[in-house]
């Protein structure tokens, strides 16, 4: 077993000790970012860092931060309210979530940049895809009344949509992401996403 894979197992073991299930793929991504950023800071090759320094890295603090983030996410879901949304408005939100995914695709170069840029992009992809998956089931169970067809969004889908759209709006407005058709289009899309976001219960 290589030193990198040994570190992956140490990270997962420390996660289990704290009640956090870290998949092998996630642990590999986290440690790959750690190796890249730390080696750059030290001015050494990544292979050198893995061979000489990674075995001595204390992963306790790293897992503690991951646990805090996981707990915060669970609290956010627990505090969220389900929502009954019309089919028309659900369609608007689905379109906005699809645009968020498209935006990440168009700005895929951010995945190869800094730690924060990468995880912001991955976070939008995860949240949007999780929400769209939940909505697929919710739409199939929609109810039609005299007032029209309504879709029940559970608390998780509300949180996923809110996070994915909020991050995309922020990155479009600060110029970090773009649809590559001019700043006015980016601003218009961000405004439309923000309007759609208001359909959902706010924090």
Foldseek 3Di string as FASTA:
>chain_A
DALLVVLLVVLQVLLVVVVHHADSVNSSVVVVQVLVVVCVVVVHDSVCCSVPPSNPDDCNVVSVVVVVVVVVVVVQLVPFAKDKAAPVLVVLLLVLLVVLLVQCVVVVVLCVDHPVSNVLSVLLVVLSVVLVVVVVVQVVVWDQDPVGIITIGHSSSLVSSLSNLVSLLVCLVVVNIDPPPDNVVSPVSSVSSVVSNVSGDDD
